[in-house]
């Protein structure tokens, strides 16, 4: 059986290499590729994705899995090999339902859609993007129907990013969360508004970039196995455990996007860099799910990066970069400013109290689009109406509204709820962290993150995708995904900031 396992790992390594090459082309498209390269890049990605799909869904892989499953039953169920066989079987059964032609068509469509989205957002022209989005949702519906019967047409798409979770599960979590967040935001709205105008000044690109690099280096981001570039929408790209790259977005007149975007993406990247090398070039050499991944980025961005202890150490450093802008702003005012609650147009710039409302809005729209109850052509009007309903504001244009997110152009349908689920997991992990490392707050206030990163490496990172997300969260925290710790955190934090 060892020989058969070696054969399986060899095939998976080749599949991983093909997918890594495709990811590199995708990263290049979003960073350095000239716009004219989109059609050619679409063909290249289509070829690579098709080859990877065909190799993985081959009869040979199915036969190896059949032979190895009795062997896996004799292993420790938590062992690398047992988990690899289990996850590979699950993925094999999903992917063998999908024809290679659909994989190729989807890769080509999303490549062209990404370029159309980039231009449409720059020109505030939804009509340019509309036919591409209609094609993507049509392809995703075809994909979902391959897994019928299902409880909900959205289930197969959600399962791609959050294995084992159903649409009904997410709706139940959000139904419990939304009224509490609405009540909190309303209570804050009755308090005096916090002055955060100092965040909207002339902040030189070099200073924003330099400070972000300094912080994430201190966090533990490994520059020998990563790099940072600029892109219209920040993202992390994983080509393997030893090559995990991030991007950020720098605005000349607003400090928050580059600052917190850099911290956020570094959280994703450090997760990937922390996976056990024994899992490299397999189906489990990445995060357990998008929600668990998001828990890492939001933990570093918010629970660390928006905390008062963090700024006790780093605020003098930031003032050194921007003495004219921040020299007369004291620490408490800065802390309150970066945490002020105000409904905003852009999800990635939203405060913690309103952020989940952006996600819930997107989830509702996505489900309507995949069901067919909402037509793509009406999306700008639908978006604006939902923004008014959820946040009490209306975008002045589509660039700041329906076109703001990159995800739909990349075909990432089923993805958005993982952002909020990640928020919930991040606080569950934080509560456990504080119990296991009682002086963690003091360490953060001295710019020390070794123990924090080490705990995450041991409890989360090293396991890669060996365990399903709900299982992993329960192993570490004692319960499945639960909104209660998150609401305790928000109520305490904003209760103090706004004297509620």
Protein backbone atom coordinates (compact mmCIF):
# COMPACT_ATOMS: atom_id res chain seq x y z
CA UNK A 1 0.00 0.00 0.00
CA UNK A 2 2.94 2.33 0.56
CA UNK A 3 3.69 2.14 -3.14
CA UNK A 4 0.12 3.04 -4.08
CA UNK A 5 0.17 5.95 -1.63
CA UNK A 6 3.41 7.15 -3.20
CA UNK A 7 1.78 6.91 -6.64
CA UNK A 8 -1.20 8.96 -5.46
CA UNK A 9 1.03 11.61 -3.91
CA UNK A 10 3.00 11.81 -7.16
CA UNK A 11 -0.14 12.54 -9.18
CA UNK A 12 -1.35 15.07 -6.61
CA UNK A 13 2.04 16.79 -6.76
CA UNK A 14 1.72 17.17 -10.52
CA UNK A 15 -1.82 18.54 -10.14
CA UNK A 16 -0.51 20.98 -7.52
CA UNK A 17 2.24 22.11 -9.89
CA UNK A 18 -0.25 22.80 -12.68
CA UNK A 19 -2.51 24.73 -10.30
CA UNK A 20 0.49 26.65 -8.95
CA UNK A 21 1.44 27.68 -12.49
CA UNK A 22 -2.15 28.79 -13.11
CA UNK A 23 -2.09 30.79 -9.86
CA UNK A 24 1.12 32.49 -10.93
CA UNK A 25 -0.50 33.55 -14.20
CA UNK A 26 -3.51 34.83 -12.26
CA UNK A 27 -1.28 36.80 -9.87
CA UNK A 28 0.53 38.33 -12.85
CA UNK A 29 -2.79 39.28 -14.43
CA UNK A 30 -3.76 41.26 -11.33
CA UNK A 31 -0.39 42.94 -10.85
CA UNK A 32 1.79 43.39 -13.97
CA UNK A 33 0.11 41.95 -17.07
CA UNK A 34 -0.77 44.56 -19.72
CA UNK A 35 -4.52 44.79 -20.34
CA UNK A 36 -4.10 43.54 -23.89
CA UNK A 37 -2.90 40.18 -22.61
CA UNK A 38 -6.31 39.12 -21.29
CA UNK A 39 -7.40 36.94 -24.22
CA UNK A 40 -4.11 35.09 -24.40
CA UNK A 41 -4.02 34.70 -20.64
CA UNK A 42 -7.51 33.26 -20.73
CA UNK A 43 -6.36 30.52 -23.10
CA UNK A 44 -3.29 29.78 -20.97
CA UNK A 45 -5.33 29.50 -17.77
CA UNK A 46 -7.97 27.44 -19.52
CA UNK A 47 -5.32 24.96 -20.70
CA UNK A 48 -3.65 24.64 -17.31
CA UNK A 49 -6.91 24.30 -15.38
CA UNK A 50 -8.17 21.68 -17.83
CA UNK A 51 -4.96 19.66 -17.59
CA UNK A 52 -5.05 19.76 -13.79
CA UNK A 53 -8.71 18.72 -13.79
CA UNK A 54 -8.18 15.84 -16.21
CA UNK A 55 -5.16 14.54 -14.33
CA UNK A 56 -6.94 14.64 -10.98
CA UNK A 57 -10.20 13.09 -12.20
CA UNK A 58 -8.48 10.24 -14.04
CA UNK A 59 -9.52 6.61 -13.61
CA UNK A 60 -6.06 5.97 -12.15
CA UNK A 61 -6.72 8.29 -9.22
CA UNK A 62 -10.09 6.66 -8.58
CA UNK A 63 -8.55 3.19 -8.59
CA UNK A 64 -5.76 4.25 -6.22
CA UNK A 65 -8.32 5.72 -3.82
CA UNK A 66 -10.39 2.51 -3.92
CA UNK A 67 -7.29 0.50 -3.07
CA UNK A 68 -6.11 2.88 -0.35
CA UNK A 69 -9.32 3.41 1.60
CA UNK A 70 -9.15 0.10 3.53
CA UNK A 71 -5.54 0.97 4.36
CA UNK A 72 -6.58 4.43 5.57
CA UNK A 73 -9.09 2.87 7.97
CA UNK A 74 -6.19 1.21 9.78
CA UNK A 75 -4.34 4.50 10.28
CA UNK A 76 -4.74 7.10 13.01
CA UNK A 77 -7.65 9.17 11.60
CA UNK A 78 -5.74 12.37 12.42
CA UNK A 79 -2.57 11.26 10.61
CA UNK A 80 -1.43 13.13 7.51
CA UNK A 81 -1.97 10.12 5.24
CA UNK A 82 -5.43 9.24 6.54
CA UNK A 83 -6.57 12.85 6.18
CA UNK A 84 -5.04 13.14 2.72
CA UNK A 85 -6.86 10.05 1.48
CA UNK A 86 -10.14 11.24 3.01
CA UNK A 87 -9.92 14.77 1.55
CA UNK A 88 -8.74 13.47 -1.83
CA UNK A 89 -11.72 11.09 -2.00
CA UNK A 90 -14.11 13.93 -1.17
CA UNK A 91 -12.59 16.19 -3.82
CA UNK A 92 -12.43 13.39 -6.37
CA UNK A 93 -16.13 12.65 -6.00
CA UNK A 94 -16.92 16.35 -6.48
CA UNK A 95 -14.63 17.00 -9.40
CA UNK A 96 -15.47 13.88 -11.37
CA UNK A 97 -18.97 15.29 -11.74
CA UNK A 98 -17.58 18.33 -13.57
CA UNK A 99 -16.68 17.99 -17.27
CA UNK A 100 -13.29 19.35 -18.32
CA UNK A 101 -15.01 21.50 -20.95
CA UNK A 102 -16.88 23.40 -18.22
CA UNK A 103 -13.62 23.93 -16.28
CA UNK A 104 -11.95 25.34 -19.40
CA UNK A 105 -14.91 27.56 -20.28
CA UNK A 106 -15.05 28.92 -16.74
CA UNK A 107 -11.31 29.73 -16.69
CA UNK A 108 -11.60 31.59 -20.00
CA UNK A 109 -14.76 33.46 -18.93
CA UNK A 110 -13.36 34.64 -15.60
CA UNK A 111 -10.11 35.84 -17.17
CA UNK A 112 -12.02 38.06 -19.58
CA UNK A 113 -14.47 39.09 -16.86
CA UNK A 114 -11.66 40.27 -14.60
CA UNK A 115 -10.34 42.64 -17.25
CA UNK A 116 -13.88 43.86 -18.01
CA UNK A 117 -14.49 44.47 -14.30
CA UNK A 118 -11.23 46.42 -13.96
CA UNK A 119 -12.23 48.71 -16.83
CA UNK A 120 -15.87 48.94 -15.76
CA UNK A 121 -14.94 50.03 -12.26
CA UNK A 122 -12.43 52.58 -13.53
CA UNK A 123 -15.04 54.01 -15.91
CA UNK A 124 -18.05 53.57 -13.60
CA UNK A 125 -19.74 51.55 -16.35
CA UNK A 126 -21.66 48.49 -15.14
CA UNK A 127 -22.92 47.78 -18.66
CA UNK A 128 -19.37 46.85 -19.68
CA UNK A 129 -19.26 44.15 -17.00
CA UNK A 130 -22.89 42.96 -17.20
CA UNK A 131 -22.58 40.36 -20.00
CA UNK A 132 -19.53 38.84 -18.36
CA UNK A 133 -21.32 38.58 -15.03
CA UNK A 134 -24.35 37.01 -16.67
CA UNK A 135 -22.08 34.39 -18.23
CA UNK A 136 -20.35 33.68 -14.92
CA UNK A 137 -23.60 33.17 -13.02
CA UNK A 138 -24.87 30.98 -15.84
CA UNK A 139 -21.75 28.84 -15.61
CA UNK A 140 -22.04 28.65 -11.83
CA UNK A 141 -25.65 27.50 -12.08
CA UNK A 142 -24.58 24.79 -14.53
CA UNK A 143 -21.89 23.77 -12.06
CA UNK A 144 -24.29 23.69 -9.10
CA UNK A 145 -26.80 21.59 -11.04
CA UNK A 146 -24.16 18.89 -11.45
CA UNK A 147 -24.61 18.20 -7.73
CA UNK A 148 -28.39 17.89 -7.68
CA UNK A 149 -30.32 16.90 -5.69
CA UNK A 150 -29.37 19.48 -3.09
CA UNK A 151 -31.14 21.28 -0.28
CA UNK A 152 -30.43 24.60 -2.00
CA UNK A 153 -28.80 25.47 -5.33
CA UNK A 154 -26.28 27.62 -3.43
CA UNK A 155 -25.07 24.65 -1.32
CA UNK A 156 -22.56 23.19 -3.84
CA UNK A 157 -20.99 26.63 -4.32
CA UNK A 158 -20.72 27.35 -0.59
CA UNK A 159 -19.25 23.89 -0.05
CA UNK A 160 -16.33 24.73 -2.36
CA UNK A 161 -15.16 27.36 0.13
CA UNK A 162 -16.63 26.06 3.39
CA UNK A 163 -16.62 22.25 3.24
CA UNK A 164 -19.59 20.66 4.98
CA UNK A 165 -21.55 23.88 5.53
CA UNK A 166 -25.03 24.43 4.12
CA UNK A 167 -26.81 27.61 3.06
CA UNK A 168 -29.31 27.02 5.88
CA UNK A 169 -26.45 26.94 8.42
CA UNK A 170 -25.13 30.32 7.31
CA UNK A 171 -28.60 31.85 7.23
CA UNK A 172 -29.22 30.67 10.79
CA UNK A 173 -25.94 32.17 12.04
CA UNK A 174 -26.63 35.46 10.29
CA UNK A 175 -30.22 35.53 11.54
CA UNK A 176 -28.90 35.38 15.11
CA UNK A 177 -26.16 37.93 14.44
CA UNK A 178 -27.93 40.62 12.43
CA UNK A 179 -30.44 41.97 14.98
CA UNK A 180 -27.70 42.25 17.62
CA UNK A 181 -25.42 44.16 15.27
CA UNK A 182 -28.27 46.42 14.13
CA UNK A 183 -29.06 47.24 17.77
CA UNK A 184 -25.40 48.01 18.49
CA UNK A 185 -25.05 50.30 15.47
CA UNK A 186 -28.25 52.13 16.42
CA UNK A 187 -26.99 52.61 19.99
CA UNK A 188 -23.71 54.01 18.67
CA UNK A 189 -25.56 56.34 16.28
CA UNK A 190 -27.13 58.03 19.32
CA UNK A 191 -23.71 58.88 20.75
CA UNK A 192 -21.55 61.89 19.73
CA UNK A 193 -19.69 61.29 16.50
CA UNK A 194 -15.95 60.61 16.74
CA UNK A 195 -13.66 62.90 14.77
CA UNK A 196 -11.56 60.78 12.41
CA UNK A 197 -10.79 63.52 9.90
CA UNK A 198 -7.06 63.17 10.58
CA UNK A 199 -7.14 59.87 8.69
CA UNK A 200 -8.08 61.76 5.52
CA UNK A 201 -4.96 63.79 4.76
CA UNK A 202 -2.04 63.61 2.37
CA UNK A 203 -0.22 60.41 3.32
CA UNK A 204 2.74 59.69 1.06
CA UNK A 205 2.78 56.26 -0.57
CA UNK A 206 6.31 55.53 0.60
CA UNK A 207 5.43 56.12 4.25
CA UNK A 208 2.30 53.98 4.11
CA UNK A 209 4.19 51.20 2.38
CA UNK A 210 7.18 51.40 4.71
CA UNK A 211 5.11 51.31 7.89
CA UNK A 212 3.06 48.35 6.67
CA UNK A 213 6.21 46.43 5.81
CA UNK A 214 7.66 47.19 9.25
CA UNK A 215 4.56 45.91 11.05
CA UNK A 216 4.09 42.65 9.16
CA UNK A 217 7.80 41.91 9.40
CA UNK A 218 7.39 42.21 13.15
CA UNK A 219 4.34 39.94 12.96
CA UNK A 220 6.43 37.21 11.36
CA UNK A 221 5.68 37.40 7.62
CA UNK A 222 8.60 35.62 5.94
CA UNK A 223 9.94 37.80 3.12
CA UNK A 224 12.20 35.00 1.89
CA UNK A 225 9.01 33.15 1.01
CA UNK A 226 6.84 36.09 -0.01
CA UNK A 227 6.63 39.57 -1.46
CA UNK A 228 4.19 42.49 -1.61
CA UNK A 229 2.93 44.36 -4.66
CA UNK A 230 0.11 46.76 -5.49
CA UNK A 231 -3.24 45.79 -7.00
CA UNK A 232 -6.70 47.39 -7.39
CA UNK A 233 -8.06 45.02 -4.73
CA UNK A 234 -5.76 43.52 -2.05
CA UNK A 235 -5.32 39.75 -2.22
CA UNK A 236 -3.05 36.88 -1.21
CA UNK A 237 -1.83 34.32 -3.72
CA UNK A 238 -0.49 30.94 -2.67
CA UNK A 239 1.79 29.05 -5.10
CA UNK A 240 3.12 26.68 -2.45
CA UNK A 241 4.15 26.78 1.19
CA UNK A 242 7.38 28.59 0.29
CA UNK A 243 5.90 31.16 -2.11
CA UNK A 244 2.98 33.14 -0.67
CA UNK A 245 2.57 36.67 -2.03
CA UNK A 246 0.37 39.57 -0.97
CA UNK A 247 -0.78 42.82 -2.49
CA UNK A 248 -2.14 46.02 -1.01
CA UNK A 249 -3.91 49.16 -2.17
CA UNK A 250 -2.48 52.58 -1.29
CA UNK A 251 -4.69 55.69 -1.34
CA UNK A 252 -2.91 59.06 -1.12
CA UNK A 253 -5.58 60.72 1.03
CA UNK A 254 -6.77 57.93 3.36
CA UNK A 255 -4.54 56.01 5.76
CA UNK A 256 -6.74 53.00 6.52
CA UNK A 257 -6.85 50.97 3.27
CA UNK A 258 -3.10 50.29 2.92
CA UNK A 259 -2.55 50.03 6.67
CA UNK A 260 -5.25 47.50 7.50
CA UNK A 261 -5.20 45.87 4.06
CA UNK A 262 -1.53 45.00 4.52
CA UNK A 263 -2.14 43.56 7.99
CA UNK A 264 -5.13 41.62 6.68
CA UNK A 265 -3.33 40.01 3.76
CA UNK A 266 -0.30 39.21 5.90
CA UNK A 267 -2.64 37.23 8.17
CA UNK A 268 -3.70 35.11 5.21
CA UNK A 269 -0.12 34.69 4.04
CA UNK A 270 1.31 33.69 7.41
CA UNK A 271 -1.36 30.97 7.60
CA UNK A 272 -0.18 29.50 4.29
CA UNK A 273 3.48 29.89 5.24
CA UNK A 274 2.80 27.98 8.47
CA UNK A 275 1.43 24.79 6.91
CA UNK A 276 3.53 21.71 7.69
CA UNK A 277 5.98 21.08 4.84
CA UNK A 278 5.01 17.41 4.94
CA UNK A 279 1.74 18.48 3.28
CA UNK A 280 3.40 20.41 0.44
CA UNK A 281 2.16 19.70 -3.11
CA UNK A 282 -0.96 17.87 -1.91
CA UNK A 283 -4.65 18.75 -1.68
CA UNK A 284 -4.22 19.71 1.99
CA UNK A 285 -1.30 22.17 1.81
CA UNK A 286 -3.56 25.22 2.28
CA UNK A 287 -6.12 26.54 4.74
CA UNK A 288 -8.96 24.48 6.14
CA UNK A 289 -11.53 26.77 4.55
CA UNK A 290 -12.07 30.37 3.54
CA UNK A 291 -13.72 31.15 6.90
CA UNK A 292 -10.77 29.74 8.84
CA UNK A 293 -8.47 31.66 6.50
CA UNK A 294 -10.46 34.82 7.12
CA UNK A 295 -10.23 34.24 10.86
CA UNK A 296 -6.48 34.61 10.54
CA UNK A 297 -6.55 37.79 8.49
CA UNK A 298 -9.22 39.42 10.65
CA UNK A 299 -7.44 38.39 13.85
CA UNK A 300 -4.25 40.20 12.82
CA UNK A 301 -6.10 43.13 11.24
CA UNK A 302 -8.66 43.77 13.99
CA UNK A 303 -7.98 41.96 17.25
CA UNK A 304 -4.33 42.92 17.03
CA UNK A 305 -4.10 45.82 14.56
CA UNK A 306 -7.09 47.84 15.81
CA UNK A 307 -6.35 47.27 19.49
CA UNK A 308 -5.07 49.86 21.94
CA UNK A 309 -2.15 47.69 23.15
CA UNK A 310 -0.90 47.36 19.58
CA UNK A 311 -0.87 51.11 19.08
CA UNK A 312 0.87 51.76 22.39
CA UNK A 313 3.90 50.24 20.70
CA UNK A 314 3.40 51.21 17.06
CA UNK A 315 1.80 54.65 17.22
CA UNK A 316 5.08 56.49 17.92
CA UNK A 317 6.52 54.61 14.94
CA UNK A 318 3.63 55.73 12.71
CA UNK A 319 3.99 59.31 13.94
CA UNK A 320 7.63 59.11 12.87
CA UNK A 321 6.52 58.36 9.34
CA UNK A 322 3.89 61.12 9.33
CA UNK A 323 4.87 63.80 11.88
CA UNK A 324 2.92 66.60 10.17
CA UNK A 325 -0.29 64.60 9.89
CA UNK A 326 -0.24 62.83 13.27
CA UNK A 327 2.19 64.75 15.45
CA UNK A 328 -0.62 66.57 17.26
CA UNK A 329 -3.04 63.61 17.42
CA UNK A 330 -2.72 61.78 20.72
CA UNK A 331 -2.89 58.00 21.07
CA UNK A 332 -6.42 57.84 22.50
CA UNK A 333 -7.83 60.03 19.74
CA UNK A 334 -6.04 57.97 17.10
CA UNK A 335 -7.38 54.73 18.58
CA UNK A 336 -10.91 56.08 18.68
CA UNK A 337 -10.55 57.42 15.15
CA UNK A 338 -9.49 54.14 13.56
CA UNK A 339 -12.36 52.43 15.40
CA UNK A 340 -15.10 54.97 14.78
CA UNK A 341 -18.40 53.47 13.63
CA UNK A 342 -20.00 55.01 10.60
CA UNK A 343 -21.88 53.22 7.81
CA UNK A 344 -19.66 53.36 4.73
CA UNK A 345 -19.84 52.45 1.08
CA UNK A 346 -16.79 50.21 0.80
CA UNK A 347 -16.71 46.82 2.53
CA UNK A 348 -12.93 46.60 2.91
CA UNK A 349 -12.90 50.00 4.63
CA UNK A 350 -15.83 49.26 6.95
CA UNK A 351 -15.52 49.36 10.74
CA UNK A 352 -15.98 46.19 12.75
CA UNK A 353 -19.51 47.05 13.89
CA UNK A 354 -20.91 47.47 10.35
CA UNK A 355 -18.64 45.13 8.37
CA UNK A 356 -20.88 42.07 8.65
CA UNK A 357 -23.81 44.04 7.24
CA UNK A 358 -21.87 44.40 3.98
CA UNK A 359 -21.37 40.64 3.89
CA UNK A 360 -25.01 39.81 4.66
CA UNK A 361 -26.11 42.15 1.88
CA UNK A 362 -23.84 40.39 -0.61
CA UNK A 363 -24.98 36.96 0.49
CA UNK A 364 -28.64 37.82 -0.06
CA UNK A 365 -27.90 39.20 -3.52
CA UNK A 366 -25.69 36.27 -4.47
CA UNK A 367 -28.34 33.75 -3.49
CA UNK A 368 -30.95 35.66 -5.50
CA UNK A 369 -28.68 35.77 -8.54
CA UNK A 370 -27.87 32.05 -8.44
CA UNK A 371 -31.55 31.18 -7.86
CA UNK A 372 -32.49 33.36 -10.81
CA UNK A 373 -34.91 35.47 -8.76
CA UNK A 374 -32.70 38.55 -9.28
CA UNK A 375 -31.66 39.50 -12.85
CA UNK A 376 -28.06 40.65 -13.37
CA UNK A 377 -29.20 43.62 -15.45
CA UNK A 378 -31.01 45.09 -12.43
CA UNK A 379 -28.05 44.62 -10.10
CA UNK A 380 -27.04 48.30 -9.68
CA UNK A 381 -30.56 49.24 -8.56
CA UNK A 382 -30.83 46.15 -6.34
CA UNK A 383 -27.45 46.89 -4.77
CA UNK A 384 -28.32 50.50 -4.02
CA UNK A 385 -31.68 49.53 -2.51
CA UNK A 386 -30.06 46.91 -0.26
CA UNK A 387 -27.34 49.37 0.82
CA UNK A 388 -30.06 51.76 1.93
CA UNK A 389 -31.89 48.96 3.72
CA UNK A 390 -28.84 47.47 5.46
CA UNK A 391 -26.68 50.55 6.10
CA UNK A 392 -28.85 53.59 5.49
CA UNK A 393 -26.67 54.94 2.67
CA UNK A 394 -26.84 54.91 -1.13
CA UNK A 395 -23.73 54.73 -3.35
CA UNK A 396 -23.28 57.79 -5.58
CA UNK A 397 -22.07 55.58 -8.44
CA UNK A 398 -21.57 51.93 -9.38
CA UNK A 399 -17.79 52.05 -8.88
CA UNK A 400 -18.43 52.60 -5.17
CA UNK A 401 -21.38 50.26 -5.22
CA UNK A 402 -21.94 47.08 -7.16
CA UNK A 403 -18.54 47.17 -8.89
CA UNK A 404 -16.39 47.57 -5.79
CA UNK A 405 -15.55 43.89 -5.18
CA UNK A 406 -13.34 41.75 -7.39
CA UNK A 407 -14.85 38.40 -6.39
CA UNK A 408 -17.66 38.00 -8.90
CA UNK A 409 -15.31 38.78 -11.80
CA UNK A 410 -13.20 35.82 -10.67
CA UNK A 411 -16.20 33.52 -10.39
CA UNK A 412 -15.96 33.31 -6.60
CA UNK A 413 -19.66 32.67 -6.04
CA UNK A 414 -20.35 31.18 -2.60
CA UNK A 415 -17.46 33.07 -1.04
CA UNK A 416 -18.77 36.17 0.71
CA UNK A 417 -20.29 34.63 3.84
CA UNK A 418 -16.84 33.31 4.79
CA UNK A 419 -15.76 36.85 5.66
CA UNK A 420 -18.28 37.11 8.48
CA UNK A 421 -17.82 33.51 9.55
CA UNK A 422 -14.13 34.31 9.80
CA UNK A 423 -14.91 37.25 12.07
CA UNK A 424 -16.75 34.92 14.43
CA UNK A 425 -14.00 32.32 14.44
CA UNK A 426 -11.32 34.96 15.04
CA UNK A 427 -12.85 35.96 18.39
CA UNK A 428 -13.42 32.35 19.42
CA UNK A 429 -9.71 31.79 18.82
CA UNK A 430 -8.81 35.03 20.60
CA UNK A 431 -10.67 34.01 23.75
CA UNK A 432 -8.75 30.72 23.75
CA UNK A 433 -5.50 32.56 23.10
CA UNK A 434 -6.02 34.82 26.11
CA UNK A 435 -6.70 31.76 28.27
CA UNK A 436 -3.57 29.97 27.05
CA UNK A 437 -1.29 33.04 27.00
CA UNK A 438 -2.43 35.20 29.96
CA UNK A 439 0.10 37.97 29.28
CA UNK A 440 -0.69 38.19 25.55
CA UNK A 441 -1.98 41.77 25.83
CA UNK A 442 1.27 42.87 27.45
CA UNK A 443 3.27 41.12 24.74
CA UNK A 444 1.31 42.92 22.03
CA UNK A 445 1.87 46.28 23.77
CA UNK A 446 5.63 45.62 23.52
CA UNK A 447 5.50 44.63 19.86
CA UNK A 448 6.11 40.97 20.64
CA UNK A 449 4.21 38.46 18.49
CA UNK A 450 6.31 35.31 18.68
CA UNK A 451 4.04 33.53 21.18
CA UNK A 452 0.89 34.57 19.30
CA UNK A 453 2.16 33.34 15.94
CA UNK A 454 3.54 30.19 17.55
CA UNK A 455 0.14 29.36 19.07
CA UNK A 456 -1.58 29.85 15.71
CA UNK A 457 1.07 27.73 14.00
CA UNK A 458 0.51 24.88 16.47
CA UNK A 459 -3.29 25.02 16.71
CA UNK A 460 -4.29 26.08 13.18
CA UNK A 461 -1.62 26.62 10.56
CA UNK A 462 0.36 23.39 10.57
CA UNK A 463 -2.74 21.27 9.93
CA UNK A 464 -3.45 22.82 6.53
CA UNK A 465 -6.74 21.41 5.23
CA UNK A 466 -6.56 18.09 7.11
CA UNK A 467 -9.74 18.81 9.06
CA UNK A 468 -13.10 20.26 8.05
CA UNK A 469 -13.54 23.81 9.38
CA UNK A 470 -16.23 23.13 11.97
CA UNK A 471 -14.18 20.19 13.28
CA UNK A 472 -11.01 22.30 13.51
CA UNK A 473 -12.78 25.16 15.28
CA UNK A 474 -14.30 22.75 17.79
CA UNK A 475 -10.95 21.04 18.42
CA UNK A 476 -9.31 24.37 19.24
CA UNK A 477 -12.09 26.33 20.97
CA UNK A 478 -14.46 23.66 22.29
CA UNK A 479 -17.41 24.67 20.11
CA UNK A 480 -18.42 25.06 16.49
CA UNK A 481 -18.76 28.49 14.88
CA UNK A 482 -20.64 30.62 17.38
CA UNK A 483 -21.64 34.32 17.11
CA UNK A 484 -21.80 34.85 20.90
CA UNK A 485 -18.06 35.51 21.53
CA UNK A 486 -17.97 37.97 18.65
CA UNK A 487 -20.88 39.97 20.00
CA UNK A 488 -19.32 39.98 23.49
CA UNK A 489 -16.18 41.41 21.93
CA UNK A 490 -18.03 44.11 19.96
CA UNK A 491 -20.18 45.12 22.93
CA UNK A 492 -17.16 45.44 25.23
CA UNK A 493 -14.96 47.28 22.75
CA UNK A 494 -17.54 49.75 21.49
CA UNK A 495 -19.16 50.07 24.88
CA UNK A 496 -15.86 51.50 26.10
CA UNK A 497 -15.19 53.65 23.04
CA UNK A 498 -18.70 55.15 22.93
CA UNK A 499 -19.55 54.96 26.67
CA UNK A 500 -22.63 52.84 25.98
